[in-house]
């Protein structure tokens, strides 16, 4: 029951979220699902697919191995879980002496031996469940952090684009203002030149008038 509750609380991600997380096209993600189906949960192979944290972690490893040049069969062979001898076998092995005593007729030890074996099996199973729960939580945290980093990077890129657009607009306004100032400066220079020419003409006329007056007298 605890295991079911942990699975219900486990985070899941949509096809679009996972494709965005890996920065791949939907076709590439569907290809991964088809080629590495044995590494994924039934929900990831369903339609529409829902990916658990363990699925995302497996796909992260698949992507890295593909980038290293490994073939599909090599990746499947490397990531397929190998048979692990459970702690139950060890617990049973530790009870060999008790089993021998039972065979020899010491039936009085049977309830205690069975109790010890069942207790050892229950404890080992609980330890495995706790370890699996801890691993799932750690994977969920890592995957969620990766999603958060992707979102922060997206916001940062949008902010940089906004700053670039603002800078381009500022530069455009500065160029326009510079052109206007240069145009006004040229107009002012033309006006000053025209006034200087008029002043020179007035001075010349004044000199001519003074010369005429002297000649008259």
N, C-alpha and C. Protein backbone atom coordinates (compact mmCIF):
# COMPACT_ATOMS: atom_id res chain seq x y z
N UNK A 1 0.83 -1.21 0.00
CA UNK A 1 0.00 0.00 0.00
C UNK A 1 0.86 1.25 0.00
N UNK A 2 1.95 1.23 0.78
CA UNK A 2 2.86 2.38 0.78
C UNK A 2 3.49 2.58 -0.57
N UNK A 3 3.79 1.45 -1.25
CA UNK A 3 4.40 1.55 -2.57
C UNK A 3 3.43 2.18 -3.56
N UNK A 4 2.14 1.79 -3.50
CA UNK A 4 1.13 2.38 -4.38
C UNK A 4 0.98 3.86 -4.12
N UNK A 5 1.01 4.24 -2.84
CA UNK A 5 0.88 5.67 -2.52
C UNK A 5 2.07 6.45 -3.06
N UNK A 6 3.27 5.90 -2.96
CA UNK A 6 4.46 6.57 -3.49
C UNK A 6 4.38 6.72 -4.99
N UNK A 7 3.87 5.65 -5.69
CA UNK A 7 3.74 5.75 -7.15
C UNK A 7 2.72 6.78 -7.54
N UNK A 8 1.65 6.92 -6.76
CA UNK A 8 0.62 7.91 -7.08
C UNK A 8 1.14 9.32 -6.92
N UNK A 9 2.07 9.48 -5.96
CA UNK A 9 2.59 10.82 -5.72
C UNK A 9 3.78 11.15 -6.62
N UNK A 10 4.25 10.14 -7.38
CA UNK A 10 5.43 10.37 -8.22
C UNK A 10 5.07 11.32 -9.36
N UNK A 11 5.97 12.24 -9.65
CA UNK A 11 5.71 13.23 -10.68
C UNK A 11 5.73 12.57 -12.05
N UNK A 12 4.90 13.08 -12.97
CA UNK A 12 4.89 12.60 -14.35
C UNK A 12 4.90 13.81 -15.27
N UNK A 13 5.38 13.59 -16.49
CA UNK A 13 5.58 14.68 -17.45
C UNK A 13 4.97 14.29 -18.79
N UNK A 14 4.47 15.30 -19.49
CA UNK A 14 3.84 15.07 -20.78
C UNK A 14 4.89 14.91 -21.87
N UNK A 15 4.42 14.48 -23.03
CA UNK A 15 5.30 14.32 -24.19
C UNK A 15 5.94 15.65 -24.56
N UNK A 16 5.15 16.74 -24.56
CA UNK A 16 5.68 18.05 -24.93
C UNK A 16 6.72 18.54 -23.94
N UNK A 17 6.48 18.33 -22.63
CA UNK A 17 7.44 18.76 -21.62
C UNK A 17 8.77 18.04 -21.77
N UNK A 18 8.72 16.73 -22.01
CA UNK A 18 9.96 15.96 -22.14
C UNK A 18 10.71 16.35 -23.41
N UNK A 19 9.98 16.55 -24.52
CA UNK A 19 10.64 16.97 -25.76
C UNK A 19 11.31 18.33 -25.58
N UNK A 20 10.64 19.24 -24.88
CA UNK A 20 11.24 20.56 -24.63
C UNK A 20 12.45 20.44 -23.70
N UNK A 21 12.35 19.54 -22.72
CA UNK A 21 13.47 19.36 -21.78
C UNK A 21 14.72 18.88 -22.52
N UNK A 22 14.56 17.95 -23.45
CA UNK A 22 15.72 17.42 -24.18
C UNK A 22 16.06 18.25 -25.41
N UNK A 23 15.23 19.27 -25.72
CA UNK A 23 15.48 20.11 -26.90
C UNK A 23 15.55 19.27 -28.18
N UNK A 24 14.60 18.34 -28.32
CA UNK A 24 14.54 17.50 -29.52
C UNK A 24 13.15 17.64 -30.14
N UNK A 25 13.02 17.23 -31.40
CA UNK A 25 11.74 17.28 -32.08
C UNK A 25 10.86 16.12 -31.61
N UNK A 26 9.54 16.23 -31.79
CA UNK A 26 8.66 15.13 -31.42
C UNK A 26 9.02 13.83 -32.14
N UNK A 27 9.48 13.92 -33.40
CA UNK A 27 9.85 12.71 -34.13
C UNK A 27 11.02 11.99 -33.46
N UNK A 28 12.01 12.75 -33.00
CA UNK A 28 13.16 12.14 -32.32
C UNK A 28 12.73 11.46 -31.03
N UNK A 29 11.86 12.12 -30.24
CA UNK A 29 11.42 11.53 -28.97
C UNK A 29 10.61 10.25 -29.24
N UNK A 30 9.74 10.25 -30.26
CA UNK A 30 8.98 9.04 -30.59
C UNK A 30 9.93 7.92 -31.02
N UNK A 31 11.00 8.29 -31.73
CA UNK A 31 11.98 7.28 -32.13
C UNK A 31 12.66 6.67 -30.92
N UNK A 32 13.00 7.49 -29.93
CA UNK A 32 13.60 6.96 -28.70
C UNK A 32 12.65 6.01 -27.99
N UNK A 33 11.38 6.38 -27.91
CA UNK A 33 10.39 5.54 -27.23
C UNK A 33 10.30 4.19 -27.93
N UNK A 34 10.31 4.19 -29.25
CA UNK A 34 10.20 2.94 -30.01
C UNK A 34 11.46 2.09 -29.90
N UNK A 35 12.62 2.74 -29.97
CA UNK A 35 13.88 2.00 -29.99
C UNK A 35 14.30 1.49 -28.60
N UNK A 36 13.90 2.23 -27.54
CA UNK A 36 14.33 1.87 -26.19
C UNK A 36 13.12 1.63 -25.29
N UNK A 37 12.11 0.95 -25.85
CA UNK A 37 10.86 0.75 -25.11
C UNK A 37 11.07 -0.08 -23.85
N UNK A 38 12.01 -1.03 -23.90
CA UNK A 38 12.20 -1.91 -22.74
C UNK A 38 12.80 -1.18 -21.55
N UNK A 39 13.33 0.02 -21.76
CA UNK A 39 13.90 0.80 -20.67
C UNK A 39 12.87 1.72 -20.02
N UNK A 40 11.66 1.82 -20.60
CA UNK A 40 10.67 2.79 -20.16
C UNK A 40 9.49 2.09 -19.50
N UNK A 41 8.73 2.86 -18.76
CA UNK A 41 7.56 2.34 -18.07
C UNK A 41 6.41 2.15 -19.07
N UNK A 42 5.40 1.35 -18.72
CA UNK A 42 4.24 1.19 -19.61
C UNK A 42 3.55 2.52 -19.92
N UNK A 43 3.54 3.43 -18.95
CA UNK A 43 2.89 4.73 -19.19
C UNK A 43 3.61 5.52 -20.28
N UNK A 44 4.94 5.39 -20.35
CA UNK A 44 5.69 6.10 -21.38
C UNK A 44 5.44 5.52 -22.76
N UNK A 45 5.05 4.23 -22.83
CA UNK A 45 4.78 3.60 -24.12
C UNK A 45 3.32 3.69 -24.51
N UNK A 46 2.50 4.29 -23.62
CA UNK A 46 1.07 4.41 -23.90
C UNK A 46 0.81 5.58 -24.84
N UNK A 47 -0.46 5.80 -25.14
CA UNK A 47 -0.85 6.90 -26.03
C UNK A 47 -2.03 7.63 -25.40
N UNK A 48 -1.89 8.87 -24.96
CA UNK A 48 -0.65 9.65 -25.03
C UNK A 48 0.33 9.23 -23.94
N UNK A 49 1.61 9.37 -24.19
CA UNK A 49 2.59 8.92 -23.20
C UNK A 49 2.68 9.86 -22.01
N UNK A 50 2.96 9.27 -20.84
CA UNK A 50 3.25 10.03 -19.62
C UNK A 50 4.56 9.47 -19.06
N UNK A 51 5.51 10.36 -18.81
CA UNK A 51 6.85 9.95 -18.42
C UNK A 51 7.05 10.17 -16.92
N UNK A 52 7.55 9.13 -16.26
CA UNK A 52 7.92 9.26 -14.85
C UNK A 52 9.33 9.84 -14.75
N UNK A 53 9.73 10.15 -13.52
CA UNK A 53 11.09 10.65 -13.31
C UNK A 53 12.13 9.61 -13.73
N UNK A 54 11.83 8.33 -13.47
CA UNK A 54 12.75 7.27 -13.88
C UNK A 54 12.86 7.20 -15.40
N UNK A 55 11.74 7.43 -16.11
CA UNK A 55 11.78 7.45 -17.57
C UNK A 55 12.68 8.58 -18.07
N UNK A 56 12.52 9.75 -17.48
CA UNK A 56 13.35 10.89 -17.90
C UNK A 56 14.82 10.62 -17.62
N UNK A 57 15.11 10.02 -16.45
CA UNK A 57 16.49 9.71 -16.12
C UNK A 57 17.07 8.70 -17.12
N UNK A 58 16.27 7.69 -17.51
CA UNK A 58 16.74 6.71 -18.50
C UNK A 58 17.01 7.37 -19.84
N UNK A 59 16.13 8.29 -20.26
CA UNK A 59 16.32 8.97 -21.54
C UNK A 59 17.53 9.90 -21.50
N UNK A 60 17.81 10.50 -20.34
CA UNK A 60 19.03 11.32 -20.21
C UNK A 60 20.26 10.47 -20.49
N UNK A 61 20.29 9.26 -19.91
CA UNK A 61 21.43 8.36 -20.14
C UNK A 61 21.47 7.92 -21.60
N UNK A 62 20.30 7.63 -22.18
CA UNK A 62 20.25 7.23 -23.59
C UNK A 62 20.81 8.33 -24.49
N UNK A 63 20.42 9.57 -24.22
CA UNK A 63 20.91 10.68 -25.05
C UNK A 63 22.43 10.81 -24.96
N UNK A 64 22.97 10.67 -23.75
CA UNK A 64 24.42 10.77 -23.58
C UNK A 64 25.15 9.64 -24.32
N UNK A 65 24.60 8.42 -24.23
CA UNK A 65 25.24 7.29 -24.89
C UNK A 65 25.14 7.42 -26.41
N UNK A 66 24.03 7.95 -26.91
CA UNK A 66 23.91 8.19 -28.35
C UNK A 66 24.93 9.22 -28.82
N UNK A 67 25.12 10.26 -28.01
CA UNK A 67 26.12 11.27 -28.37
C UNK A 67 27.53 10.69 -28.37
N UNK A 68 27.75 9.62 -27.57
CA UNK A 68 29.06 8.97 -27.55
C UNK A 68 29.25 8.00 -28.71
N UNK A 69 28.20 7.78 -29.52
CA UNK A 69 28.30 6.95 -30.69
C UNK A 69 27.90 5.50 -30.49
N UNK A 70 27.27 5.14 -29.36
CA UNK A 70 26.86 3.77 -29.13
C UNK A 70 25.65 3.42 -29.98
N UNK A 71 25.56 2.13 -30.36
CA UNK A 71 24.44 1.64 -31.13
C UNK A 71 23.27 1.31 -30.20
N UNK A 72 22.08 1.11 -30.81
CA UNK A 72 20.88 0.85 -30.01
C UNK A 72 21.01 -0.42 -29.19
N UNK A 73 21.53 -1.50 -29.81
CA UNK A 73 21.64 -2.76 -29.06
C UNK A 73 22.64 -2.65 -27.92
N UNK A 74 23.69 -1.86 -28.11
CA UNK A 74 24.66 -1.66 -27.04
C UNK A 74 24.04 -0.89 -25.87
N UNK A 75 23.24 0.13 -26.21
CA UNK A 75 22.59 0.93 -25.16
C UNK A 75 21.58 0.09 -24.40
N UNK A 76 20.77 -0.69 -25.13
CA UNK A 76 19.77 -1.53 -24.46
C UNK A 76 20.44 -2.57 -23.57
N UNK A 77 21.56 -3.15 -24.07
CA UNK A 77 22.26 -4.15 -23.26
C UNK A 77 22.88 -3.52 -22.03
N UNK A 78 23.38 -2.28 -22.17
CA UNK A 78 24.05 -1.64 -21.04
C UNK A 78 23.06 -1.16 -19.98
N UNK A 79 21.87 -0.74 -20.41
CA UNK A 79 20.91 -0.15 -19.46
C UNK A 79 19.86 -1.12 -18.97
N UNK A 80 19.75 -2.31 -19.60
CA UNK A 80 18.76 -3.27 -19.14
C UNK A 80 19.15 -3.77 -17.75
N UNK A 81 18.26 -3.66 -16.78
CA UNK A 81 18.62 -4.10 -15.41
C UNK A 81 19.04 -5.56 -15.38
N UNK A 82 20.17 -5.83 -14.74
CA UNK A 82 20.66 -7.20 -14.60
C UNK A 82 20.03 -7.85 -13.37
N UNK A 83 19.98 -9.17 -13.38
CA UNK A 83 19.38 -9.91 -12.27
C UNK A 83 20.23 -9.72 -11.03
N UNK A 84 19.59 -9.29 -9.99
CA UNK A 84 20.28 -9.03 -8.73
C UNK A 84 19.81 -10.05 -7.70
N UNK A 85 20.74 -10.69 -7.05
CA UNK A 85 20.38 -11.65 -6.00
C UNK A 85 19.83 -10.86 -4.82
N UNK A 86 18.61 -11.15 -4.41
CA UNK A 86 17.95 -10.38 -3.37
C UNK A 86 18.46 -10.78 -2.00
N UNK A 87 18.13 -9.90 -1.08
CA UNK A 87 18.56 -10.17 0.29
C UNK A 87 17.84 -11.38 0.88
N UNK A 88 16.67 -11.78 0.25
CA UNK A 88 15.95 -12.91 0.78
C UNK A 88 16.80 -14.17 0.69
N UNK A 89 17.57 -14.34 -0.44
CA UNK A 89 18.41 -15.52 -0.59
C UNK A 89 19.46 -15.57 0.51
N UNK A 90 20.03 -14.39 0.79
CA UNK A 90 21.03 -14.32 1.85
C UNK A 90 20.43 -14.70 3.19
N UNK A 91 19.17 -14.24 3.39
CA UNK A 91 18.52 -14.55 4.65
C UNK A 91 18.29 -16.04 4.78
N UNK A 92 17.88 -16.68 3.66
CA UNK A 92 17.64 -18.12 3.69
C UNK A 92 18.96 -18.86 3.91
N UNK A 93 20.05 -18.37 3.24
CA UNK A 93 21.34 -19.02 3.39
C UNK A 93 21.83 -18.96 4.83
N UNK A 94 21.52 -17.87 5.49
CA UNK A 94 21.94 -17.74 6.88
C UNK A 94 21.20 -18.72 7.79
N UNK A 95 20.09 -19.30 7.33
CA UNK A 95 19.29 -20.20 8.16
C UNK A 95 19.58 -21.66 7.85
N UNK A 96 20.73 -21.95 7.24
CA UNK A 96 21.06 -23.35 6.88
C UNK A 96 21.14 -24.24 8.11
N UNK A 97 21.80 -23.74 9.16
CA UNK A 97 21.92 -24.55 10.39
C UNK A 97 20.55 -24.85 10.98
N UNK A 98 19.69 -23.84 10.94
CA UNK A 98 18.35 -24.08 11.48
C UNK A 98 17.62 -25.13 10.65
N UNK A 99 17.78 -25.06 9.30
CA UNK A 99 17.12 -26.05 8.46
C UNK A 99 17.66 -27.44 8.73
N UNK A 100 18.99 -27.56 8.96
CA UNK A 100 19.58 -28.87 9.26
C UNK A 100 19.02 -29.43 10.55
N UNK A 101 18.85 -28.52 11.53
CA UNK A 101 18.28 -28.97 12.80
C UNK A 101 16.85 -29.45 12.62
N UNK A 102 16.12 -28.78 11.72
CA UNK A 102 14.75 -29.22 11.46
C UNK A 102 14.75 -30.61 10.83
N UNK A 103 15.66 -30.81 9.86
CA UNK A 103 15.74 -32.12 9.20
C UNK A 103 16.11 -33.22 10.18
N UNK A 104 16.96 -32.88 11.11
CA UNK A 104 17.40 -33.87 12.10
C UNK A 104 16.34 -34.18 13.14
N UNK A 105 15.23 -33.51 13.07
CA UNK A 105 14.15 -33.87 13.97
C UNK A 105 13.89 -32.90 15.07
N UNK A 106 14.61 -31.78 15.08
CA UNK A 106 14.38 -30.81 16.14
C UNK A 106 13.23 -29.92 15.72
N UNK A 107 12.06 -30.51 15.72
CA UNK A 107 10.87 -29.80 15.24
C UNK A 107 10.49 -28.64 16.15
N UNK A 108 11.04 -28.62 17.34
CA UNK A 108 10.68 -27.54 18.26
C UNK A 108 11.17 -26.19 17.77
N UNK A 109 12.23 -26.23 16.94
CA UNK A 109 12.78 -24.97 16.43
C UNK A 109 12.05 -24.46 15.19
N UNK A 110 11.07 -25.24 14.67
CA UNK A 110 10.40 -24.85 13.42
C UNK A 110 9.69 -23.51 13.51
N UNK A 111 8.87 -23.25 14.47
CA UNK A 111 8.19 -21.94 14.51
C UNK A 111 9.17 -20.76 14.60
N UNK A 112 10.18 -20.93 15.46
CA UNK A 112 11.15 -19.83 15.61
C UNK A 112 11.94 -19.62 14.33
N UNK A 113 12.36 -20.71 13.66
CA UNK A 113 13.14 -20.60 12.43
C UNK A 113 12.31 -19.92 11.34
N UNK A 114 11.06 -20.36 11.18
CA UNK A 114 10.20 -19.75 10.17
C UNK A 114 9.96 -18.28 10.48
N UNK A 115 9.80 -18.00 11.77
CA UNK A 115 9.61 -16.60 12.14
C UNK A 115 10.82 -15.74 11.82
N UNK A 116 12.00 -16.29 12.10
CA UNK A 116 13.22 -15.55 11.79
C UNK A 116 13.37 -15.33 10.29
N UNK A 117 13.08 -16.36 9.51
CA UNK A 117 13.20 -16.25 8.05
C UNK A 117 12.22 -15.21 7.51
N UNK A 118 10.95 -15.32 7.96
CA UNK A 118 9.94 -14.37 7.48
C UNK A 118 10.27 -12.95 7.92
N UNK A 119 10.81 -12.81 9.14
CA UNK A 119 11.18 -11.48 9.62
C UNK A 119 12.32 -10.91 8.79
N UNK A 120 13.30 -11.78 8.49
CA UNK A 120 14.43 -11.31 7.67
C UNK A 120 13.97 -10.91 6.28
N UNK A 121 13.06 -11.72 5.70
CA UNK A 121 12.54 -11.38 4.37
C UNK A 121 11.76 -10.08 4.40
N UNK A 122 10.91 -9.90 5.43
CA UNK A 122 10.13 -8.68 5.53
C UNK A 122 11.02 -7.46 5.70
N UNK A 123 12.05 -7.60 6.54
CA UNK A 123 12.97 -6.48 6.73
C UNK A 123 13.71 -6.12 5.46
N UNK A 124 14.17 -7.16 4.73
CA UNK A 124 14.89 -6.89 3.48
C UNK A 124 13.98 -6.26 2.45
N UNK A 125 12.73 -6.73 2.37
CA UNK A 125 11.78 -6.13 1.44
C UNK A 125 11.51 -4.67 1.80
N UNK A 126 11.36 -4.38 3.07
CA UNK A 126 11.12 -3.01 3.49
C UNK A 126 12.32 -2.13 3.17
N UNK A 127 13.53 -2.69 3.35
CA UNK A 127 14.74 -1.93 3.01
C UNK A 127 14.79 -1.61 1.54
N UNK A 128 14.44 -2.60 0.69
CA UNK A 128 14.42 -2.37 -0.77
C UNK A 128 13.39 -1.31 -1.13
N UNK A 129 12.20 -1.39 -0.52
CA UNK A 129 11.16 -0.41 -0.81
C UNK A 129 11.59 0.99 -0.40
N UNK A 130 12.21 1.07 0.78
CA UNK A 130 12.69 2.38 1.23
C UNK A 130 13.76 2.94 0.29
N UNK A 131 14.66 2.05 -0.14
CA UNK A 131 15.71 2.49 -1.07
C UNK A 131 15.12 2.95 -2.38
N UNK A 132 14.15 2.21 -2.90
CA UNK A 132 13.50 2.60 -4.16
C UNK A 132 12.79 3.95 -4.01
N UNK A 133 12.12 4.13 -2.88
CA UNK A 133 11.44 5.40 -2.64
C UNK A 133 12.42 6.55 -2.59
N UNK A 134 13.55 6.33 -1.90
CA UNK A 134 14.58 7.38 -1.82
C UNK A 134 15.15 7.71 -3.18
N UNK A 135 15.43 6.67 -3.98
CA UNK A 135 15.97 6.89 -5.33
C UNK A 135 14.97 7.65 -6.18
N UNK A 136 13.69 7.27 -6.10
CA UNK A 136 12.67 7.98 -6.89
C UNK A 136 12.59 9.45 -6.49
N UNK A 137 12.66 9.72 -5.19
CA UNK A 137 12.61 11.11 -4.75
C UNK A 137 13.81 11.89 -5.25
N UNK A 138 15.01 11.26 -5.20
CA UNK A 138 16.21 11.94 -5.66
C UNK A 138 16.14 12.21 -7.16
N UNK A 139 15.68 11.23 -7.92
CA UNK A 139 15.55 11.41 -9.37
C UNK A 139 14.52 12.50 -9.67
N UNK A 140 13.42 12.50 -8.92
CA UNK A 140 12.41 13.53 -9.13
C UNK A 140 12.95 14.92 -8.88
N UNK A 141 13.77 15.06 -7.82
CA UNK A 141 14.37 16.37 -7.51
C UNK A 141 15.31 16.80 -8.63
N UNK A 142 16.14 15.85 -9.10
CA UNK A 142 17.09 16.19 -10.16
C UNK A 142 16.37 16.60 -11.43
N UNK A 143 15.36 15.82 -11.80
CA UNK A 143 14.62 16.13 -13.03
C UNK A 143 13.91 17.47 -12.90
N UNK A 144 13.30 17.72 -11.73
CA UNK A 144 12.60 18.99 -11.53
C UNK A 144 13.57 20.16 -11.59
N UNK A 145 14.77 19.96 -11.01
CA UNK A 145 15.79 21.02 -11.09
C UNK A 145 16.18 21.29 -12.54
N UNK A 146 16.29 20.22 -13.34
CA UNK A 146 16.62 20.40 -14.75
C UNK A 146 15.54 21.20 -15.46
N UNK A 147 14.28 20.89 -15.18
CA UNK A 147 13.18 21.64 -15.78
C UNK A 147 13.22 23.10 -15.35
N UNK A 148 13.52 23.33 -14.05
CA UNK A 148 13.59 24.70 -13.57
C UNK A 148 14.71 25.47 -14.25
N UNK A 149 15.86 24.80 -14.45
CA UNK A 149 16.98 25.45 -15.13
C UNK A 149 16.62 25.78 -16.57
N UNK A 150 15.92 24.88 -17.24
CA UNK A 150 15.47 25.16 -18.61
C UNK A 150 14.58 26.39 -18.65
N UNK A 151 13.67 26.48 -17.68
CA UNK A 151 12.75 27.62 -17.63
C UNK A 151 13.51 28.92 -17.34
N UNK A 152 14.46 28.85 -16.40
CA UNK A 152 15.25 30.04 -16.10
C UNK A 152 16.07 30.48 -17.31
N UNK A 153 16.63 29.52 -18.04
CA UNK A 153 17.40 29.86 -19.24
C UNK A 153 16.51 30.50 -20.30
N UNK A 154 15.29 29.98 -20.42
CA UNK A 154 14.36 30.57 -21.40
C UNK A 154 14.02 32.01 -21.03
N UNK A 155 13.76 32.26 -19.74
CA UNK A 155 13.46 33.62 -19.31
C UNK A 155 14.66 34.54 -19.52
N UNK A 156 15.87 34.01 -19.26
CA UNK A 156 17.07 34.82 -19.45
C UNK A 156 17.26 35.17 -20.92
N UNK A 157 17.03 34.21 -21.82
CA UNK A 157 17.14 34.50 -23.25
C UNK A 157 16.13 35.55 -23.68
N UNK A 158 14.90 35.44 -23.16
CA UNK A 158 13.88 36.44 -23.51
C UNK A 158 14.29 37.82 -23.01
N UNK A 159 14.86 37.88 -21.80
CA UNK A 159 15.30 39.17 -21.26
C UNK A 159 16.44 39.74 -22.09
N UNK A 160 17.38 38.89 -22.52
CA UNK A 160 18.48 39.37 -23.35
C UNK A 160 17.97 39.88 -24.70
N UNK A 161 16.98 39.21 -25.26
CA UNK A 161 16.40 39.68 -26.52
C UNK A 161 15.73 41.03 -26.34
N UNK A 162 15.04 41.20 -25.21
CA UNK A 162 14.40 42.49 -24.93
C UNK A 162 15.45 43.59 -24.81
N UNK A 163 16.56 43.29 -24.12
CA UNK A 163 17.62 44.28 -23.97
C UNK A 163 18.25 44.61 -25.33
N UNK A 164 18.43 43.59 -26.16
CA UNK A 164 18.99 43.83 -27.49
C UNK A 164 18.06 44.69 -28.32
N UNK A 165 16.77 44.42 -28.24
CA UNK A 165 15.81 45.25 -28.99
C UNK A 165 15.81 46.68 -28.46
N UNK A 166 15.86 46.84 -27.13
CA UNK A 166 15.90 48.19 -26.56
C UNK A 166 17.16 48.93 -26.98
N UNK A 167 18.30 48.22 -26.99
CA UNK A 167 19.56 48.85 -27.41
C UNK A 167 19.51 49.24 -28.87
N UNK A 168 18.95 48.37 -29.71
CA UNK A 168 18.83 48.71 -31.13
C UNK A 168 17.94 49.93 -31.34
N UNK A 169 16.84 50.01 -30.57
CA UNK A 169 15.95 51.16 -30.69
C UNK A 169 16.66 52.43 -30.21
N UNK A 170 17.43 52.31 -29.12
CA UNK A 170 18.18 53.47 -28.63
C UNK A 170 19.20 53.94 -29.66
N UNK A 171 19.92 53.00 -30.27
CA UNK A 171 20.89 53.37 -31.29
C UNK A 171 20.21 54.03 -32.49
N UNK A 172 19.04 53.51 -32.87
CA UNK A 172 18.32 54.11 -34.00
C UNK A 172 17.92 55.55 -33.68
N UNK A 173 17.44 55.78 -32.45
CA UNK A 173 17.05 57.13 -32.06
C UNK A 173 18.27 58.06 -32.02
N UNK A 174 19.40 57.53 -31.55
CA UNK A 174 20.61 58.34 -31.50
C UNK A 174 21.07 58.72 -32.91
N UNK A 175 20.98 57.77 -33.85
CA UNK A 175 21.35 58.07 -35.23
C UNK A 175 20.43 59.13 -35.82
N UNK A 176 19.13 59.01 -35.54
CA UNK A 176 18.17 60.01 -36.04
C UNK A 176 18.46 61.38 -35.45
N UNK A 177 18.72 61.41 -34.13
CA UNK A 177 19.02 62.69 -33.49
C UNK A 177 20.31 63.30 -34.04
N UNK A 178 21.32 62.45 -34.29
CA UNK A 178 22.58 62.92 -34.84
C UNK A 178 22.38 63.51 -36.23
N UNK A 179 21.58 62.84 -37.05
CA UNK A 179 21.31 63.35 -38.40
C UNK A 179 20.59 64.69 -38.34
N UNK A 180 19.64 64.81 -37.40
CA UNK A 180 18.92 66.08 -37.28
C UNK A 180 19.87 67.20 -36.84
N UNK A 181 20.74 66.89 -35.87
CA UNK A 181 21.69 67.91 -35.41
C UNK A 181 22.64 68.33 -36.54
N UNK A 182 23.11 67.34 -37.30
CA UNK A 182 23.99 67.67 -38.41
C UNK A 182 23.27 68.50 -39.45
N UNK A 183 22.00 68.19 -39.70
CA UNK A 183 21.22 68.97 -40.66
C UNK A 183 21.04 70.40 -40.18
N UNK A 184 20.73 70.56 -38.89
CA UNK A 184 20.58 71.91 -38.34
C UNK A 184 21.90 72.68 -38.38
N UNK A 185 22.99 71.98 -38.09
CA UNK A 185 24.29 72.63 -38.11
C UNK A 185 24.64 73.12 -39.52
N UNK A 186 24.35 72.28 -40.53
CA UNK A 186 24.61 72.72 -41.91
C UNK A 186 23.74 73.92 -42.28
N UNK A 187 22.47 73.90 -41.84
CA UNK A 187 21.59 75.02 -42.13
C UNK A 187 22.10 76.29 -41.45
N UNK A 188 22.57 76.14 -40.20
CA UNK A 188 23.10 77.29 -39.48
C UNK A 188 24.36 77.83 -40.16
N UNK A 189 25.22 76.93 -40.62
CA UNK A 189 26.43 77.37 -41.32
C UNK A 189 26.07 78.10 -42.61
N UNK A 190 25.08 77.61 -43.33
CA UNK A 190 24.64 78.29 -44.55
C UNK A 190 24.09 79.68 -44.24
N UNK A 191 23.33 79.76 -43.13
CA UNK A 191 22.76 81.05 -42.74
C UNK A 191 23.86 82.04 -42.39
N UNK A 192 24.84 81.56 -41.60
CA UNK A 192 25.97 82.43 -41.21
C UNK A 192 26.74 82.89 -42.44
N UNK A 193 26.97 81.97 -43.36
CA UNK A 193 27.70 82.33 -44.58
C UNK A 193 26.94 83.37 -45.38
N UNK A 194 25.59 83.19 -45.47
CA UNK A 194 24.78 84.16 -46.21
C UNK A 194 24.82 85.53 -45.53
N UNK A 195 24.75 85.54 -44.21
CA UNK A 195 24.80 86.81 -43.49
C UNK A 195 26.17 87.47 -43.65
N UNK A 196 27.23 86.66 -43.60
CA UNK A 196 28.56 87.23 -43.81
C UNK A 196 28.68 87.84 -45.21
N UNK A 197 28.08 87.18 -46.18
CA UNK A 197 28.11 87.71 -47.54
C UNK A 197 27.34 89.02 -47.63
N UNK A 198 26.20 89.07 -46.96
CA UNK A 198 25.41 90.30 -46.96
C UNK A 198 26.16 91.42 -46.26
N UNK A 199 26.81 91.10 -45.15
CA UNK A 199 27.60 92.13 -44.44
C UNK A 199 28.73 92.64 -45.32
N UNK A 200 29.39 91.70 -46.02
CA UNK A 200 30.47 92.12 -46.92
C UNK A 200 29.95 93.03 -48.02
N UNK A 201 28.78 92.72 -48.54
CA UNK A 201 28.18 93.57 -49.58
C UNK A 201 27.83 94.94 -49.03
N UNK A 202 27.28 94.97 -47.81
CA UNK A 202 26.93 96.25 -47.20
C UNK A 202 28.18 97.09 -46.97
N UNK A 203 29.26 96.46 -46.51
CA UNK A 203 30.51 97.21 -46.29
C UNK A 203 31.04 97.76 -47.61
N UNK A 204 30.95 96.96 -48.65
CA UNK A 204 31.43 97.40 -49.95
C UNK A 204 30.59 98.57 -50.47
N UNK A 205 29.27 98.50 -50.30
CA UNK A 205 28.41 99.60 -50.73
C UNK A 205 28.71 100.87 -49.92
N UNK A 206 28.95 100.66 -48.62
CA UNK A 206 29.25 101.82 -47.79
C UNK A 206 30.54 102.49 -48.23
N UNK A 207 31.56 101.72 -48.58
CA UNK A 207 32.82 102.28 -49.05
C UNK A 207 32.61 103.01 -50.38
N UNK A 208 31.81 102.43 -51.25
CA UNK A 208 31.55 103.08 -52.53
C UNK A 208 30.85 104.42 -52.33
N UNK A 209 29.91 104.44 -51.39
CA UNK A 209 29.20 105.69 -51.12
C UNK A 209 30.15 106.74 -50.56
N UNK A 210 31.05 106.31 -49.68
CA UNK A 210 32.02 107.27 -49.14
C UNK A 210 32.95 107.80 -50.21
N UNK A 211 33.37 106.99 -51.14
CA UNK A 211 34.22 107.44 -52.24
C UNK A 211 33.48 108.42 -53.14
N UNK A 212 32.20 108.16 -53.40
CA UNK A 212 31.42 109.09 -54.21
C UNK A 212 31.30 110.46 -53.53
N UNK A 213 31.10 110.42 -52.22
CA UNK A 213 30.97 111.70 -51.51
C UNK A 213 32.27 112.48 -51.57
N UNK A 214 33.41 111.85 -51.44
CA UNK A 214 34.67 112.55 -51.52
C UNK A 214 34.87 113.13 -52.93
N UNK A 215 34.54 112.37 -53.94
CA UNK A 215 34.69 112.86 -55.32
C UNK A 215 33.76 114.03 -55.61
N UNK A 216 32.60 114.07 -55.00
CA UNK A 216 31.67 115.16 -55.21
C UNK A 216 32.22 116.45 -54.67
N UNK A 217 32.81 116.37 -53.51
CA UNK A 217 33.35 117.59 -52.95
C UNK A 217 34.70 117.92 -53.56
